[in-house]
């Protein structure tokens, strides 16, 4: 087999080392404690106890990012001649799937990956390398959740530094500029180093880091992340924040990928016509549909404007029947209407009576709140099934004006 030396090997390795967001600089194992932290706990952080027997190795072999190997200074001509895909030809993958998990599809034979991170507007912010794409993406969204919306990836079956560096060079050439996360030293540190909580005192650095981690967890929850994300307790003591790598067994990952595939089948792109003109476009993922005595209960995930939200909706069978529509199509129209109305898509905790509870509601509630809903359907909706009155007719406004006032007279509440 003909081999050739990477030239210069030392500079290539140094470049890779400087560009990679390392999980941990120490090769020693770090013990993680058992805790009841499942998913994202908005009530506060749960940290692992040191006396736990659960151990996650932080050895270089477990690191989710590529650590250049000094002995890997040779590579085959076949690997070097590997066709590098155009960045524009690679699909955009959403960071968070409809289950709220970060679960990239990676071939088991993949030895390394080159990836590009895109923001909400699908602008490339950073190009990096990884030996463990799932954990790399978890770490990066834990550091920059406001910029991690999509990614493009090129997976390699052989760990080849030359191909990886050449791929990054080609992608930057396609972009016509170096992404800000690679070009600007400060921005690059934000991508490649743990978050510094910025405490001004040694005594307050742990408290500052915990507060920062709590805020970051809230941001991840707002983005729709539901999988467990734990900030490293040892780094928190140092005033820094970084997501711990997951030690999830391969079997669980395979199951997660299968679940994701099933969900992808249920994801549907929806375009609802607006009566006044135009359309409302969004994606709906049917996570659960349960037949009840009087209709259906849905658990759905709505994606619009690169934001994913979850909703539970009760649809009485008499509503779609009255307008001669399938129940799924009826629900999609209801959600299109609410999106058109720009109803806030997060209504957690106690809400006021004039706030629409969009995360858990029945269709009858929509009819009660909005008199123009029926304009979105080909026939009149039943508005007296539950014997309700619409909210905008409540109060004194439905009373006739006093008889003593003439048609041209006006009364102000500010008149003395």
Protein backbone atom coordinates (compact mmCIF):
# COMPACT_ATOMS: atom_id res chain seq x y z
CA UNK A 1 0.00 0.00 0.00
CA UNK A 2 1.41 3.36 -0.98
CA UNK A 3 1.38 5.96 1.75
CA UNK A 4 2.49 9.54 1.90
CA UNK A 5 3.31 11.88 4.74
CA UNK A 6 0.97 14.72 5.66
CA UNK A 7 2.89 17.91 5.21
CA UNK A 8 3.26 19.65 7.44
CA UNK A 9 1.94 17.16 9.99
CA UNK A 10 2.64 19.32 13.02
CA UNK A 11 0.83 22.37 11.64
CA UNK A 12 -2.18 20.30 10.57
CA UNK A 13 -2.46 18.77 14.00
CA UNK A 14 -2.08 22.13 15.66
CA UNK A 15 -4.81 23.57 13.44
CA UNK A 16 -7.17 20.74 14.27
CA UNK A 17 -6.40 21.00 17.98
CA UNK A 18 -7.11 24.73 18.01
CA UNK A 19 -10.43 24.36 16.18
CA UNK A 20 -11.96 21.56 18.23
CA UNK A 21 -14.35 22.11 21.16
CA UNK A 22 -12.79 19.60 23.60
CA UNK A 23 -15.02 17.89 26.13
CA UNK A 24 -12.40 17.76 28.85
CA UNK A 25 -8.68 18.40 28.97
CA UNK A 26 -8.02 15.70 31.54
CA UNK A 27 -7.72 12.04 30.61
CA UNK A 28 -8.80 10.99 34.08
CA UNK A 29 -12.23 9.59 34.73
CA UNK A 30 -14.86 11.85 36.25
CA UNK A 31 -17.50 10.31 38.47
CA UNK A 32 -21.05 11.36 37.87
CA UNK A 33 -23.58 10.93 40.61
CA UNK A 34 -27.01 9.49 40.33
CA UNK A 35 -29.71 12.09 40.41
CA UNK A 36 -33.38 12.49 39.63
CA UNK A 37 -32.58 14.90 36.81
CA UNK A 38 -34.61 13.66 33.87
CA UNK A 39 -34.79 15.95 30.92
CA UNK A 40 -34.69 19.66 31.60
CA UNK A 41 -35.81 20.57 35.09
CA UNK A 42 -36.91 24.19 35.02
CA UNK A 43 -37.26 24.30 38.80
CA UNK A 44 -33.49 24.20 39.18
CA UNK A 45 -30.37 22.23 38.46
CA UNK A 46 -29.84 18.78 39.86
CA UNK A 47 -26.16 17.94 40.24
CA UNK A 48 -24.61 14.54 40.56
CA UNK A 49 -23.03 13.42 43.81
CA UNK A 50 -19.41 12.35 43.87
CA UNK A 51 -20.11 9.18 45.83
CA UNK A 52 -22.04 7.68 42.92
CA UNK A 53 -20.70 4.54 41.28
CA UNK A 54 -21.68 5.70 37.79
CA UNK A 55 -18.49 6.61 35.95
CA UNK A 56 -18.09 8.29 32.62
CA UNK A 57 -14.60 8.24 31.19
CA UNK A 58 -13.16 11.44 29.83
CA UNK A 59 -10.33 9.62 28.12
CA UNK A 60 -9.24 10.83 24.67
CA UNK A 61 -10.97 7.79 23.16
CA UNK A 62 -14.29 8.94 24.62
CA UNK A 63 -13.87 12.57 23.59
CA UNK A 64 -16.56 13.61 21.17
CA UNK A 65 -14.18 15.80 19.24
CA UNK A 66 -11.15 14.85 17.25
CA UNK A 67 -7.86 14.70 19.06
CA UNK A 68 -5.07 14.56 16.47
CA UNK A 69 -3.03 11.39 16.82
CA UNK A 70 0.70 11.92 16.52
CA UNK A 71 1.29 8.50 15.01
CA UNK A 72 -1.37 9.05 12.32
CA UNK A 73 0.95 10.99 10.06
CA UNK A 74 0.33 8.76 7.05
CA UNK A 75 -2.77 8.14 4.99
CA UNK A 76 -3.69 6.25 1.84
CA UNK A 77 -3.97 7.82 -1.60
CA UNK A 78 -7.51 6.46 -1.78
CA UNK A 79 -8.53 8.41 1.31
CA UNK A 80 -6.84 11.60 0.11
CA UNK A 81 -8.57 11.33 -3.25
CA UNK A 82 -12.00 10.97 -1.59
CA UNK A 83 -14.56 13.21 -3.29
CA UNK A 84 -15.46 16.08 -1.01
CA UNK A 85 -19.13 17.06 -1.30
CA UNK A 86 -20.13 20.63 -1.97
CA UNK A 87 -21.47 22.40 1.09
CA UNK A 88 -24.47 23.62 -0.90
CA UNK A 89 -25.32 20.06 -1.95
CA UNK A 90 -25.49 18.77 1.61
CA UNK A 91 -28.94 18.82 3.25
CA UNK A 92 -29.75 20.94 6.28
CA UNK A 93 -30.55 18.78 9.29
CA UNK A 94 -32.47 20.23 12.22
CA UNK A 95 -30.46 20.22 15.45
CA UNK A 96 -33.46 19.05 17.47
CA UNK A 97 -35.79 16.36 16.16
CA UNK A 98 -39.54 16.27 16.78
CA UNK A 99 -38.97 14.17 19.92
CA UNK A 100 -36.88 16.98 21.36
CA UNK A 101 -33.67 15.00 21.02
CA UNK A 102 -30.31 15.65 19.34
CA UNK A 103 -29.97 12.46 17.37
CA UNK A 104 -27.93 12.71 14.14
CA UNK A 105 -27.95 9.72 11.84
CA UNK A 106 -24.38 8.44 11.64
CA UNK A 107 -23.17 5.27 9.95
CA UNK A 108 -21.57 2.86 12.49
CA UNK A 109 -18.41 2.78 10.36
CA UNK A 110 -17.91 6.55 10.62
CA UNK A 111 -14.53 7.41 12.11
CA UNK A 112 -14.70 11.19 11.82
CA UNK A 113 -17.02 13.97 10.68
CA UNK A 114 -16.69 17.48 9.32
CA UNK A 115 -19.73 19.61 10.11
CA UNK A 116 -21.06 23.12 9.58
CA UNK A 117 -23.36 24.81 12.11
CA UNK A 118 -26.10 27.09 10.74
CA UNK A 119 -28.16 29.66 12.60
CA UNK A 120 -31.88 30.40 12.45
CA UNK A 121 -31.46 32.12 9.07
CA UNK A 122 -29.42 29.17 7.76
CA UNK A 123 -26.19 31.13 7.73
CA UNK A 124 -23.04 29.12 8.45
CA UNK A 125 -21.60 30.20 11.80
CA UNK A 126 -18.91 27.59 12.44
CA UNK A 127 -17.17 24.64 10.76
CA UNK A 128 -15.70 21.96 12.99
CA UNK A 129 -14.54 18.36 13.30
CA UNK A 130 -15.74 15.47 15.42
CA UNK A 131 -15.18 11.83 16.27
CA UNK A 132 -18.57 11.63 17.99
CA UNK A 133 -21.08 13.82 16.18
CA UNK A 134 -23.97 13.40 18.62
CA UNK A 135 -21.96 14.53 21.63
CA UNK A 136 -20.30 17.32 19.66
CA UNK A 137 -23.71 18.70 18.69
CA UNK A 138 -24.95 18.39 22.28
CA UNK A 139 -21.95 20.32 23.58
CA UNK A 140 -22.20 23.04 20.96
CA UNK A 141 -25.91 23.68 21.48
CA UNK A 142 -25.16 23.77 25.21
CA UNK A 143 -22.67 26.56 24.52
CA UNK A 144 -24.44 28.47 21.73
CA UNK A 145 -28.16 27.57 21.75
CA UNK A 146 -29.03 30.85 20.06
CA UNK A 147 -26.98 29.91 16.96
CA UNK A 148 -27.44 26.12 16.68
CA UNK A 149 -30.50 25.50 14.51
CA UNK A 150 -29.22 23.39 11.60
CA UNK A 151 -26.13 21.46 10.64
CA UNK A 152 -24.55 19.95 7.53
CA UNK A 153 -22.22 17.00 7.87
CA UNK A 154 -19.69 15.01 5.86
CA UNK A 155 -18.92 11.65 7.50
CA UNK A 156 -15.66 9.82 6.82
CA UNK A 157 -15.05 6.09 7.16
CA UNK A 158 -11.34 6.82 7.71
CA UNK A 159 -9.82 9.30 10.14
CA UNK A 160 -7.89 11.42 7.66
CA UNK A 161 -6.67 14.84 8.79
CA UNK A 162 -5.75 15.89 5.26
CA UNK A 163 -9.26 15.27 3.93
CA UNK A 164 -10.82 16.97 6.91
CA UNK A 165 -8.72 20.11 6.57
CA UNK A 166 -9.25 20.14 2.81
CA UNK A 167 -13.02 19.82 3.33
CA UNK A 168 -13.08 22.80 5.65
CA UNK A 169 -10.97 24.81 3.20
CA UNK A 170 -13.28 23.92 0.29
CA UNK A 171 -16.43 24.81 2.22
CA UNK A 172 -15.00 28.18 3.26
CA UNK A 173 -14.06 28.81 -0.35
CA UNK A 174 -17.66 28.08 -1.38
CA UNK A 175 -18.94 30.51 1.21
CA UNK A 176 -16.57 33.18 -0.05
CA UNK A 177 -15.62 34.02 3.52
CA UNK A 178 -14.55 32.37 6.74
CA UNK A 179 -17.46 31.82 9.15
CA UNK A 180 -17.38 34.20 12.10
CA UNK A 181 -17.00 31.31 14.54
CA UNK A 182 -13.74 30.33 12.83
CA UNK A 183 -12.39 33.74 11.86
CA UNK A 184 -12.94 35.81 15.00
CA UNK A 185 -10.79 34.74 17.95
CA UNK A 186 -13.40 35.68 20.55
CA UNK A 187 -16.21 33.93 18.70
CA UNK A 188 -14.04 30.87 18.17
CA UNK A 189 -13.47 30.61 21.91
CA UNK A 190 -17.24 30.73 22.47
CA UNK A 191 -17.57 27.67 20.23
CA UNK A 192 -14.51 25.75 21.35
CA UNK A 193 -14.26 26.44 25.09
CA UNK A 194 -16.66 25.96 28.02
CA UNK A 195 -18.81 28.95 28.95
CA UNK A 196 -17.15 31.28 31.43
CA UNK A 197 -19.81 32.47 33.88
CA UNK A 198 -17.88 35.69 34.37
CA UNK A 199 -17.75 35.89 38.15
CA UNK A 200 -15.70 38.80 39.43
CA UNK A 201 -14.75 37.00 42.65
CA UNK A 202 -13.29 33.61 43.45
CA UNK A 203 -15.94 32.94 46.08
CA UNK A 204 -18.84 33.63 43.74
CA UNK A 205 -17.71 31.72 40.68
CA UNK A 206 -19.58 28.48 41.50
CA UNK A 207 -22.84 30.31 42.20
CA UNK A 208 -22.42 32.34 39.01
CA UNK A 209 -21.80 29.19 36.96
CA UNK A 210 -24.89 27.46 38.42
CA UNK A 211 -27.02 30.49 37.63
CA UNK A 212 -25.64 30.58 34.09
CA UNK A 213 -26.23 26.85 33.61
CA UNK A 214 -29.81 27.23 34.82
CA UNK A 215 -30.40 30.03 32.32
CA UNK A 216 -28.90 27.93 29.52
CA UNK A 217 -31.14 24.99 30.42
CA UNK A 218 -34.14 27.28 30.16
CA UNK A 219 -33.00 28.38 26.71
CA UNK A 220 -32.67 24.74 25.64
CA UNK A 221 -36.14 23.97 26.99
CA UNK A 222 -37.55 26.93 25.08
CA UNK A 223 -35.95 25.51 21.96
CA UNK A 224 -37.80 22.22 22.51
CA UNK A 225 -34.99 20.04 23.89
CA UNK A 226 -36.42 17.24 26.05
CA UNK A 227 -33.46 14.88 26.44
CA UNK A 228 -31.28 14.98 29.53
CA UNK A 229 -28.71 17.75 29.44
CA UNK A 230 -26.38 17.97 32.46
CA UNK A 231 -23.72 20.62 32.98
CA UNK A 232 -20.45 19.22 34.32
CA UNK A 233 -20.47 19.73 38.13
CA UNK A 234 -16.67 19.86 38.31
CA UNK A 235 -16.52 22.68 35.76
CA UNK A 236 -19.28 24.50 37.64
CA UNK A 237 -17.00 24.60 40.67
CA UNK A 238 -14.44 26.32 38.44
CA UNK A 239 -16.97 28.91 37.29
CA UNK A 240 -17.48 27.32 33.88
CA UNK A 241 -20.37 25.57 32.11
CA UNK A 242 -20.24 22.69 29.63
CA UNK A 243 -22.61 19.83 28.81
CA UNK A 244 -21.37 16.42 29.88
CA UNK A 245 -21.09 13.83 27.09
CA UNK A 246 -23.74 11.19 27.18
CA UNK A 247 -22.72 7.60 27.82
CA UNK A 248 -25.92 6.28 26.24
CA UNK A 249 -25.55 2.64 25.12
CA UNK A 250 -25.53 1.99 21.39
CA UNK A 251 -28.72 -0.03 21.70
CA UNK A 252 -30.55 2.98 23.09
CA UNK A 253 -29.18 5.13 20.29
CA UNK A 254 -30.40 2.64 17.69
CA UNK A 255 -33.82 2.63 19.30
CA UNK A 256 -33.82 6.41 19.29
CA UNK A 257 -33.00 6.47 15.59
CA UNK A 258 -35.80 4.02 14.86
CA UNK A 259 -38.20 6.18 16.84
CA UNK A 260 -37.02 9.21 14.93
CA UNK A 261 -37.63 7.46 11.62
CA UNK A 262 -41.17 6.65 12.65
CA UNK A 263 -41.71 10.25 13.64
CA UNK A 264 -40.35 11.53 10.35
CA UNK A 265 -43.05 9.57 8.54
CA UNK A 266 -45.69 11.42 10.59
CA UNK A 267 -44.22 14.86 9.98
CA UNK A 268 -46.22 16.80 7.42
CA UNK A 269 -45.65 20.12 5.70
CA UNK A 270 -48.88 22.10 5.91
CA UNK A 271 -50.03 25.10 3.89
CA UNK A 272 -53.33 26.67 4.99
CA UNK A 273 -55.07 29.28 2.84
CA UNK A 274 -55.87 32.54 4.59
CA UNK A 275 -59.36 33.86 3.70
CA UNK A 276 -57.98 37.35 3.08
CA UNK A 277 -55.19 35.98 0.86
CA UNK A 278 -51.86 34.23 1.27
CA UNK A 279 -51.01 31.08 3.18
CA UNK A 280 -49.80 29.97 6.59
CA UNK A 281 -47.02 27.39 6.18
CA UNK A 282 -45.71 25.19 8.95
CA UNK A 283 -44.78 21.60 9.86
CA UNK A 284 -46.86 19.37 12.10
CA UNK A 285 -45.67 16.16 13.73
CA UNK A 286 -48.38 13.82 14.99
CA UNK A 287 -46.84 12.35 18.13
CA UNK A 288 -50.06 10.82 19.44
CA UNK A 289 -53.67 10.49 18.30
CA UNK A 290 -56.12 8.92 20.73
CA UNK A 291 -59.78 8.15 19.97
CA UNK A 292 -62.11 9.30 22.71
CA UNK A 293 -65.86 8.80 23.19
CA UNK A 294 -66.63 12.16 21.63
CA UNK A 295 -63.74 12.67 19.20
CA UNK A 296 -59.94 12.66 19.38
CA UNK A 297 -57.09 13.81 21.58
CA UNK A 298 -53.90 14.84 19.79
CA UNK A 299 -50.35 15.43 20.93
CA UNK A 300 -48.68 17.42 18.18
CA UNK A 301 -45.43 19.31 17.59
CA UNK A 302 -45.60 22.48 15.51
CA UNK A 303 -42.53 23.93 13.78
CA UNK A 304 -42.73 27.44 12.37
CA UNK A 305 -40.11 30.17 12.10
CA UNK A 306 -37.52 27.59 13.22
CA UNK A 307 -39.29 27.23 16.57
CA UNK A 308 -40.80 23.96 17.79
CA UNK A 309 -43.66 23.90 20.28
CA UNK A 310 -45.85 21.09 21.59
CA UNK A 311 -49.61 21.10 22.00
CA UNK A 312 -52.37 18.83 23.24
CA UNK A 313 -55.65 19.42 21.41
CA UNK A 314 -59.11 17.95 22.00
CA UNK A 315 -61.21 17.75 18.83
CA UNK A 316 -64.90 16.90 19.19
CA UNK A 317 -66.10 14.74 16.30
CA UNK A 318 -69.04 17.07 15.59
CA UNK A 319 -66.66 19.88 14.52
CA UNK A 320 -65.03 18.22 11.48
CA UNK A 321 -68.32 16.50 10.65
CA UNK A 322 -70.15 19.83 10.49
CA UNK A 323 -67.75 21.17 7.84
CA UNK A 324 -67.27 17.81 6.08
CA UNK A 325 -63.49 17.60 6.69
CA UNK A 326 -61.22 14.77 7.91
CA UNK A 327 -60.27 15.31 11.53
CA UNK A 328 -56.54 15.71 10.80
CA UNK A 329 -57.19 18.34 8.13
CA UNK A 330 -59.56 20.13 10.49
CA UNK A 331 -56.90 20.22 13.22
CA UNK A 332 -54.31 21.54 10.76
CA UNK A 333 -56.66 24.37 9.83
CA UNK A 334 -57.23 25.21 13.49
CA UNK A 335 -53.47 25.41 14.12
CA UNK A 336 -53.00 27.49 10.96
CA UNK A 337 -55.64 29.90 12.23
CA UNK A 338 -53.94 30.24 15.62
CA UNK A 339 -50.56 30.80 13.97
CA UNK A 340 -52.13 33.47 11.76
CA UNK A 341 -53.49 35.14 14.89
CA UNK A 342 -49.95 35.16 16.33
CA UNK A 343 -51.12 33.57 19.55
CA UNK A 344 -48.14 33.15 21.94
CA UNK A 345 -47.05 29.53 21.68
CA UNK A 346 -45.92 29.12 25.30
CA UNK A 347 -48.52 29.42 28.06
CA UNK A 348 -47.01 27.58 31.02
CA UNK A 349 -48.18 28.02 34.60
CA UNK A 350 -51.07 30.24 35.62
CA UNK A 351 -52.58 32.24 32.77
CA UNK A 352 -55.12 35.00 32.72
CA UNK A 353 -58.67 34.44 31.53
CA UNK A 354 -58.12 36.50 28.38
CA UNK A 355 -55.03 34.46 27.37
CA UNK A 356 -55.64 31.57 25.01
CA UNK A 357 -54.19 28.31 26.46
CA UNK A 358 -52.56 27.19 23.24
CA UNK A 359 -50.49 24.37 24.75
CA UNK A 360 -53.57 22.46 25.97
CA UNK A 361 -57.00 23.31 24.62
CA UNK A 362 -60.22 22.04 23.07
CA UNK A 363 -61.50 23.27 19.71
CA UNK A 364 -64.60 24.62 21.45
CA UNK A 365 -62.27 27.04 23.25
CA UNK A 366 -61.07 28.40 19.91
CA UNK A 367 -64.68 28.94 18.83
CA UNK A 368 -65.35 30.75 22.08
CA UNK A 369 -62.39 33.11 21.71
CA UNK A 370 -62.58 33.94 17.99
CA UNK A 371 -65.73 34.83 16.06
CA UNK A 372 -63.90 34.86 12.70
CA UNK A 373 -62.79 31.23 12.95
CA UNK A 374 -65.67 30.04 10.77
CA UNK A 375 -64.34 32.16 7.87
CA UNK A 376 -61.59 29.55 7.54
CA UNK A 377 -64.02 26.69 6.88
CA UNK A 378 -66.39 25.89 4.00
CA UNK A 379 -69.42 25.62 6.29
CA UNK A 380 -70.66 27.09 9.55
CA UNK A 381 -69.17 25.67 12.73
CA UNK A 382 -71.46 24.60 15.57
CA UNK A 383 -71.30 27.44 18.09
CA UNK A 384 -74.00 26.36 20.50
CA UNK A 385 -73.06 22.75 21.22
CA UNK A 386 -71.60 23.66 24.60
CA UNK A 387 -74.01 26.59 25.05
CA UNK A 388 -71.23 29.13 25.39
CA UNK A 389 -71.08 32.80 24.46
CA UNK A 390 -68.07 34.24 22.69
CA UNK A 391 -65.66 36.09 24.94
CA UNK A 392 -65.79 39.32 22.94
CA UNK A 393 -69.54 39.63 23.70
CA UNK A 394 -69.04 39.53 27.46
CA UNK A 395 -69.61 42.62 29.63
CA UNK A 396 -71.33 45.97 29.26
CA UNK A 397 -70.61 46.28 25.56
CA UNK A 398 -73.62 44.09 24.75
CA UNK A 399 -76.01 46.43 26.60
CA UNK A 400 -77.91 49.02 24.50
CA UNK A 401 -76.97 52.67 25.10
CA UNK A 402 -79.12 54.64 27.57
CA UNK A 403 -82.31 55.88 25.93
CA UNK A 404 -81.77 59.48 27.06
CA UNK A 405 -78.66 59.86 24.88
CA UNK A 406 -79.32 61.20 21.41
CA UNK A 407 -77.57 59.91 18.30
CA UNK A 408 -75.13 62.84 18.24
CA UNK A 409 -74.38 62.98 21.93
CA UNK A 410 -71.12 61.60 23.29
CA UNK A 411 -70.13 60.83 26.85
CA UNK A 412 -66.54 60.45 28.05
CA UNK A 413 -65.60 58.70 31.24
CA UNK A 414 -63.20 61.59 31.79
CA UNK A 415 -66.01 64.26 31.73
CA UNK A 416 -66.58 65.81 35.09
